[in-house]
């Protein structure tokens, strides 16, 4: 895991909306890419669902277990 994500993840998990936004922006291109079922056609519903799921996963992510490896 990139160490520069650690403070952002910790802050986002503690309710810092700005940290969550910064994390989201770092992964937005990947989320956008995964929302394209066909080249060039984005599914708005898929994009929204993936964005919401990303934020849920950040909140649930067990940072300690990944840092000990």
PDB file of N, CA and C in Angstrom:
ATOM      1  N   UNK A   1       0.846  -1.171   0.000  1.00  0.00           N
ATOM      2  CA  UNK A   1       0.000   0.000   0.000  1.00  0.00           C
ATOM      3  C   UNK A   1       0.892   1.234   0.000  1.00  0.00           C
ATOM      4  N   UNK A   2       0.511   2.197  -0.796  1.00  0.00           N
ATOM      5  CA  UNK A   2       1.275   3.433  -0.799  1.00  0.00           C
ATOM      6  C   UNK A   2       1.107   4.128   0.548  1.00  0.00           C
ATOM      7  N   UNK A   3       2.215   4.497   1.136  1.00  0.00           N
ATOM      8  CA  UNK A   3       2.184   5.107   2.464  1.00  0.00           C
ATOM      9  C   UNK A   3       1.483   6.466   2.470  1.00  0.00           C
ATOM     10  N   UNK A   4       1.449   7.152   1.321  1.00  0.00           N
ATOM     11  CA  UNK A   4       0.783   8.456   1.302  1.00  0.00           C
ATOM     12  C   UNK A   4      -0.732   8.334   1.438  1.00  0.00           C
ATOM     13  N   UNK A   5      -1.262   7.120   1.267  1.00  0.00           N
ATOM     14  CA  UNK A   5      -2.697   6.897   1.451  1.00  0.00           C
ATOM     15  C   UNK A   5      -3.066   6.719   2.928  1.00  0.00           C
ATOM     16  N   UNK A   6      -2.121   6.316   3.733  1.00  0.00           N
ATOM     17  CA  UNK A   6      -2.407   5.988   5.135  1.00  0.00           C
ATOM     18  C   UNK A   6      -3.035   7.161   5.888  1.00  0.00           C
ATOM     19  N   UNK A   7      -2.445   8.353   5.873  1.00  0.00           N
ATOM     20  CA  UNK A   7      -3.078   9.460   6.605  1.00  0.00           C
ATOM     21  C   UNK A   7      -4.457   9.814   6.049  1.00  0.00           C
ATOM     22  N   UNK A   8      -4.607   9.732   4.727  1.00  0.00           N
ATOM     23  CA  UNK A   8      -5.904  10.033   4.122  1.00  0.00           C
ATOM     24  C   UNK A   8      -6.962   9.026   4.543  1.00  0.00           C
ATOM     25  N   UNK A   9      -6.593   7.750   4.544  1.00  0.00           N
ATOM     26  CA  UNK A   9      -7.544   6.707   4.943  1.00  0.00           C
ATOM     27  C   UNK A   9      -7.944   6.894   6.400  1.00  0.00           C
ATOM     28  N   UNK A  10      -6.955   7.127   7.261  1.00  0.00           N
ATOM     29  CA  UNK A  10      -7.260   7.331   8.685  1.00  0.00           C
ATOM     30  C   UNK A  10      -8.194   8.522   8.883  1.00  0.00           C
ATOM     31  N   UNK A  11      -7.901   9.611   8.208  1.00  0.00           N
ATOM     32  CA  UNK A  11      -8.740  10.804   8.339  1.00  0.00           C
ATOM     33  C   UNK A  11     -10.143  10.561   7.804  1.00  0.00           C
ATOM     34  N   UNK A  12     -10.232   9.908   6.654  1.00  0.00           N
ATOM     35  CA  UNK A  12     -11.543   9.616   6.063  1.00  0.00           C
ATOM     36  C   UNK A  12     -12.357   8.712   6.977  1.00  0.00           C
ATOM     37  N   UNK A  13     -11.701   7.750   7.601  1.00  0.00           N
ATOM     38  CA  UNK A  13     -12.399   6.848   8.515  1.00  0.00           C
ATOM     39  C   UNK A  13     -12.871   7.567   9.775  1.00  0.00           C
ATOM     40  N   UNK A  14     -12.239   8.687  10.085  1.00  0.00           N
ATOM     41  CA  UNK A  14     -12.637   9.488  11.248  1.00  0.00           C
ATOM     42  C   UNK A  14     -13.605  10.609  10.873  1.00  0.00           C
ATOM     43  N   UNK A  15     -14.162  10.534   9.666  1.00  0.00           N
ATOM     44  CA  UNK A  15     -15.197  11.484   9.267  1.00  0.00           C
ATOM     45  C   UNK A  15     -14.731  12.717   8.527  1.00  0.00           C
ATOM     46  N   UNK A  16     -13.472  12.763   8.132  1.00  0.00           N
ATOM     47  CA  UNK A  16     -12.952  13.920   7.401  1.00  0.00           C
ATOM     48  C   UNK A  16     -13.391  13.829   5.937  1.00  0.00           C
ATOM     49  N   UNK A  17     -14.362  14.647   5.565  1.00  0.00           N
ATOM     50  CA  UNK A  17     -14.899  14.609   4.203  1.00  0.00           C
ATOM     51  C   UNK A  17     -13.885  15.042   3.154  1.00  0.00           C
ATOM     52  N   UNK A  18     -13.006  15.961   3.511  1.00  0.00           N
ATOM     53  CA  UNK A  18     -11.984  16.415   2.567  1.00  0.00           C
ATOM     54  C   UNK A  18     -11.003  15.281   2.252  1.00  0.00           C
ATOM     55  N   UNK A  19     -10.634  14.509   3.255  1.00  0.00           N
ATOM     56  CA  UNK A  19      -9.746  13.362   3.040  1.00  0.00           C
ATOM     57  C   UNK A  19     -10.429  12.323   2.156  1.00  0.00           C
ATOM     58  N   UNK A  20     -11.715  12.090   2.397  1.00  0.00           N
ATOM     59  CA  UNK A  20     -12.462  11.140   1.568  1.00  0.00           C
ATOM     60  C   UNK A  20     -12.491  11.622   0.121  1.00  0.00           C
ATOM     61  N   UNK A  21     -12.706  12.912  -0.071  1.00  0.00           N
ATOM     62  CA  UNK A  21     -12.728  13.470  -1.417  1.00  0.00           C
ATOM     63  C   UNK A  21     -11.372  13.311  -2.100  1.00  0.00           C
ATOM     64  N   UNK A  22     -10.295  13.571  -1.380  1.00  0.00           N
ATOM     65  CA  UNK A  22      -8.960  13.418  -1.962  1.00  0.00           C
ATOM     66  C   UNK A  22      -8.689  11.969  -2.360  1.00  0.00           C
ATOM     67  N   UNK A  23      -9.091  11.028  -1.522  1.00  0.00           N
ATOM     68  CA  UNK A  23      -8.948   9.610  -1.869  1.00  0.00           C
ATOM     69  C   UNK A  23      -9.772   9.275  -3.104  1.00  0.00           C
ATOM     70  N   UNK A  24     -11.005   9.752  -3.100  1.00  0.00           N
ATOM     71  CA  UNK A  24     -11.893   9.489  -4.232  1.00  0.00           C
ATOM     72  C   UNK A  24     -11.285  10.027  -5.530  1.00  0.00           C
ATOM     73  N   UNK A  25     -10.753  11.229  -5.478  1.00  0.00           N
ATOM     74  CA  UNK A  25     -10.166  11.827  -6.674  1.00  0.00           C
ATOM     75  C   UNK A  25      -8.958  11.037  -7.173  1.00  0.00           C
ATOM     76  N   UNK A  26      -8.217  10.425  -6.259  1.00  0.00           N
ATOM     77  CA  UNK A  26      -7.080   9.597  -6.663  1.00  0.00           C
ATOM     78  C   UNK A  26      -7.528   8.353  -7.427  1.00  0.00           C
ATOM     79  N   UNK A  27      -8.732   7.862  -7.120  1.00  0.00           N
ATOM     80  CA  UNK A  27      -9.224   6.631  -7.738  1.00  0.00           C
ATOM     81  C   UNK A  27     -10.356   6.867  -8.734  1.00  0.00           C
ATOM     82  N   UNK A  28     -10.710   8.114  -8.964  1.00  0.00           N
ATOM     83  CA  UNK A  28     -11.851   8.423  -9.823  1.00  0.00           C
ATOM     84  C   UNK A  28     -11.682   7.890 -11.243  1.00  0.00           C
ATOM     85  N   UNK A  29     -10.494   7.972 -11.799  1.00  0.00           N
ATOM     86  CA  UNK A  29     -10.276   7.466 -13.169  1.00  0.00           C
ATOM     87  C   UNK A  29     -10.556   5.972 -13.257  1.00  0.00           C
ATOM     88  N   UNK A  30     -10.137   5.225 -12.250  1.00  0.00           N
ATOM     89  CA  UNK A  30     -10.377   3.777 -12.221  1.00  0.00           C
ATOM     90  C   UNK A  30     -11.874   3.495 -12.101  1.00  0.00           C
ATOM     91  N   UNK A  31     -12.553   4.233 -11.243  1.00  0.00           N
ATOM     92  CA  UNK A  31     -13.999   4.068 -11.081  1.00  0.00           C
ATOM     93  C   UNK A  31     -14.703   4.391 -12.395  1.00  0.00           C
ATOM     94  N   UNK A  32     -14.283   5.465 -13.032  1.00  0.00           N
ATOM     95  CA  UNK A  32     -14.854   5.850 -14.323  1.00  0.00           C
ATOM     96  C   UNK A  32     -14.631   4.751 -15.357  1.00  0.00           C
ATOM     97  N   UNK A  33     -13.402   4.222 -15.402  1.00  0.00           N
ATOM     98  CA  UNK A  33     -13.068   3.151 -16.348  1.00  0.00           C
ATOM     99  C   UNK A  33     -13.944   1.918 -16.118  1.00  0.00           C
ATOM    100  N   UNK A  34     -14.138   1.551 -14.867  1.00  0.00           N
ATOM    101  CA  UNK A  34     -14.946   0.374 -14.543  1.00  0.00           C
ATOM    102  C   UNK A  34     -16.430   0.587 -14.837  1.00  0.00           C
ATOM    103  N   UNK A  35     -16.832   1.841 -15.027  1.00  0.00           N
ATOM    104  CA  UNK A  35     -18.230   2.168 -15.318  1.00  0.00           C
ATOM    105  C   UNK A  35     -18.552   2.091 -16.804  1.00  0.00           C
ATOM    106  N   UNK A  36     -17.559   1.815 -17.621  1.00  0.00           N
ATOM    107  CA  UNK A  36     -17.756   1.764 -19.067  1.00  0.00           C
ATOM    108  C   UNK A  36     -17.945   0.321 -19.523  1.00  0.00           C
ATOM    109  N   UNK A  37     -19.195  -0.149 -19.613  1.00  0.00           N
ATOM    110  CA  UNK A  37     -19.413  -1.523 -20.067  1.00  0.00           C
ATOM    111  C   UNK A  37     -19.016  -1.709 -21.531  1.00  0.00           C
ATOM    112  N   UNK A  38     -19.130  -0.651 -22.304  1.00  0.00           N
ATOM    113  CA  UNK A  38     -18.717  -0.664 -23.708  1.00  0.00           C
ATOM    114  C   UNK A  38     -17.833   0.550 -23.920  1.00  0.00           C
ATOM    115  N   UNK A  39     -16.859   0.387 -24.727  1.00  0.00           N
ATOM    116  CA  UNK A  39     -15.898   1.462 -24.934  1.00  0.00           C
ATOM    117  C   UNK A  39     -16.601   2.782 -25.281  1.00  0.00           C
ATOM    118  N   UNK A  40     -16.352   3.792 -24.456  1.00  0.00           N
ATOM    119  CA  UNK A  40     -16.879   5.118 -24.725  1.00  0.00           C
ATOM    120  C   UNK A  40     -18.263   5.393 -24.176  1.00  0.00           C
ATOM    121  N   UNK A  41     -18.963   4.392 -23.697  1.00  0.00           N
ATOM    122  CA  UNK A  41     -20.312   4.593 -23.167  1.00  0.00           C
ATOM    123  C   UNK A  41     -20.306   4.357 -21.665  1.00  0.00           C
ATOM    124  N   UNK A  42     -20.463   5.411 -20.919  1.00  0.00           N
ATOM    125  CA  UNK A  42     -20.442   5.275 -19.459  1.00  0.00           C
ATOM    126  C   UNK A  42     -21.853   4.998 -18.943  1.00  0.00           C
ATOM    127  N   UNK A  43     -21.931   4.118 -17.980  1.00  0.00           N
ATOM    128  CA  UNK A  43     -23.193   3.858 -17.301  1.00  0.00           C
ATOM    129  C   UNK A  43     -23.230   4.740 -16.058  1.00  0.00           C
ATOM    130  N   UNK A  44     -24.085   5.754 -16.082  1.00  0.00           N
ATOM    131  CA  UNK A  44     -24.185   6.681 -14.945  1.00  0.00           C
ATOM    132  C   UNK A  44     -24.559   5.947 -13.658  1.00  0.00           C
ATOM    133  N   UNK A  45     -25.477   4.989 -13.762  1.00  0.00           N
ATOM    134  CA  UNK A  45     -25.885   4.222 -12.579  1.00  0.00           C
ATOM    135  C   UNK A  45     -24.716   3.435 -12.006  1.00  0.00           C
ATOM    136  N   UNK A  46     -23.968   2.801 -12.882  1.00  0.00           N
ATOM    137  CA  UNK A  46     -22.810   2.012 -12.450  1.00  0.00           C
ATOM    138  C   UNK A  46     -21.764   2.926 -11.803  1.00  0.00           C
ATOM    139  N   UNK A  47     -21.516   4.066 -12.412  1.00  0.00           N
ATOM    140  CA  UNK A  47     -20.548   5.029 -11.885  1.00  0.00           C
ATOM    141  C   UNK A  47     -20.954   5.480 -10.477  1.00  0.00           C
ATOM    142  N   UNK A  48     -22.232   5.779 -10.302  1.00  0.00           N
ATOM    143  CA  UNK A  48     -22.727   6.213  -8.998  1.00  0.00           C
ATOM    144  C   UNK A  48     -22.610   5.093  -7.967  1.00  0.00           C
ATOM    145  N   UNK A  49     -22.990   3.882  -8.346  1.00  0.00           N
ATOM    146  CA  UNK A  49     -22.914   2.748  -7.417  1.00  0.00           C
ATOM    147  C   UNK A  49     -21.470   2.448  -7.025  1.00  0.00           C
ATOM    148  N   UNK A  50     -20.560   2.483  -7.995  1.00  0.00           N
ATOM    149  CA  UNK A  50     -19.146   2.238  -7.695  1.00  0.00           C
ATOM    150  C   UNK A  50     -18.575   3.333  -6.795  1.00  0.00           C
ATOM    151  N   UNK A  51     -18.991   4.555  -7.007  1.00  0.00           N
ATOM    152  CA  UNK A  51     -18.523   5.671  -6.177  1.00  0.00           C
ATOM    153  C   UNK A  51     -18.975   5.497  -4.733  1.00  0.00           C
ATOM    154  N   UNK A  52     -20.230   5.133  -4.556  1.00  0.00           N
ATOM    155  CA  UNK A  52     -20.765   4.908  -3.210  1.00  0.00           C
ATOM    156  C   UNK A  52     -20.060   3.730  -2.546  1.00  0.00           C
ATOM    157  N   UNK A  53     -19.876   2.655  -3.298  1.00  0.00           N
ATOM    158  CA  UNK A  53     -19.207   1.464  -2.756  1.00  0.00           C
ATOM    159  C   UNK A  53     -17.761   1.778  -2.362  1.00  0.00           C
ATOM    160  N   UNK A  54     -17.079   2.588  -3.162  1.00  0.00           N
ATOM    161  CA  UNK A  54     -15.713   2.991  -2.842  1.00  0.00           C
ATOM    162  C   UNK A  54     -15.662   3.647  -1.458  1.00  0.00           C
ATOM    163  N   UNK A  55     -16.594   4.570  -1.209  1.00  0.00           N
ATOM    164  CA  UNK A  55     -16.609   5.278   0.074  1.00  0.00           C
ATOM    165  C   UNK A  55     -16.931   4.338   1.237  1.00  0.00           C
ATOM    166  N   UNK A  56     -17.828   3.399   1.013  1.00  0.00           N
ATOM    167  CA  UNK A  56     -18.129   2.407   2.055  1.00  0.00           C
ATOM    168  C   UNK A  56     -16.894   1.556   2.356  1.00  0.00           C
ATOM    169  N   UNK A  57     -16.191   1.159   1.314  1.00  0.00           N
ATOM    170  CA  UNK A  57     -15.009   0.313   1.506  1.00  0.00           C
ATOM    171  C   UNK A  57     -13.885   1.051   2.218  1.00  0.00           C
ATOM    172  N   UNK A  58     -13.717   2.320   1.925  1.00  0.00           N
ATOM    173  CA  UNK A  58     -12.701   3.107   2.635  1.00  0.00           C
ATOM    174  C   UNK A  58     -13.018   3.120   4.127  1.00  0.00           C
ATOM    175  N   UNK A  59     -14.280   3.325   4.466  1.00  0.00           N
ATOM    176  CA  UNK A  59     -14.674   3.371   5.882  1.00  0.00           C
ATOM    177  C   UNK A  59     -14.474   2.031   6.578  1.00  0.00           C
ATOM    178  N   UNK A  60     -14.683   0.923   5.856  1.00  0.00           N
ATOM    179  CA  UNK A  60     -14.574  -0.412   6.453  1.00  0.00           C
ATOM    180  C   UNK A  60     -13.157  -0.989   6.381  1.00  0.00           C
ATOM    181  N   UNK A  61     -12.277  -0.380   5.607  1.00  0.00           N
ATOM    182  CA  UNK A  61     -10.950  -0.925   5.355  1.00  0.00           C
ATOM    183  C   UNK A  61     -10.156  -1.068   6.649  1.00  0.00           C
ATOM    184  N   UNK A  62      -9.619  -2.264   6.893  1.00  0.00           N
ATOM    185  CA  UNK A  62      -8.815  -2.524   8.085  1.00  0.00           C
ATOM    186  C   UNK A  62      -7.364  -2.163   7.782  1.00  0.00           C
ATOM    187  N   UNK A  63      -7.025  -0.952   8.073  1.00  0.00           N
ATOM    188  CA  UNK A  63      -5.708  -0.417   7.760  1.00  0.00           C
ATOM    189  C   UNK A  63      -4.601  -1.154   8.503  1.00  0.00           C
ATOM    190  N   UNK A  64      -4.820  -1.460   9.770  1.00  0.00           N
ATOM    191  CA  UNK A  64      -3.792  -2.110  10.586  1.00  0.00           C
ATOM    192  C   UNK A  64      -3.368  -3.458  10.018  1.00  0.00           C
ATOM    193  N   UNK A  65      -4.303  -4.242   9.542  1.00  0.00           N
ATOM    194  CA  UNK A  65      -3.951  -5.568   9.022  1.00  0.00           C
ATOM    195  C   UNK A  65      -3.112  -5.472   7.752  1.00  0.00           C
ATOM    196  N   UNK A  66      -3.266  -4.405   6.989  1.00  0.00           N
ATOM    197  CA  UNK A  66      -2.482  -4.245   5.767  1.00  0.00           C
ATOM    198  C   UNK A  66      -1.122  -3.607   6.025  1.00  0.00           C
ATOM    199  N   UNK A  67      -0.997  -2.867   7.102  1.00  0.00           N
ATOM    200  CA  UNK A  67       0.280  -2.235   7.421  1.00  0.00           C
ATOM    201  C   UNK A  67       1.254  -3.208   8.070  1.00  0.00           C
ATOM    202  N   UNK A  68       0.759  -4.273   8.668  1.00  0.00           N
ATOM    203  CA  UNK A  68       1.613  -5.244   9.347  1.00  0.00           C
ATOM    204  C   UNK A  68       2.294  -6.202   8.382  1.00  0.00           C
ATOM    205  N   UNK A  69       1.901  -6.202   7.132  1.00  0.00           N
ATOM    206  CA  UNK A  69       2.477  -7.146   6.157  1.00  0.00           C
ATOM    207  C   UNK A  69       3.814  -6.685   5.662  1.00  0.00           C
TER     208      UNK A  69
END
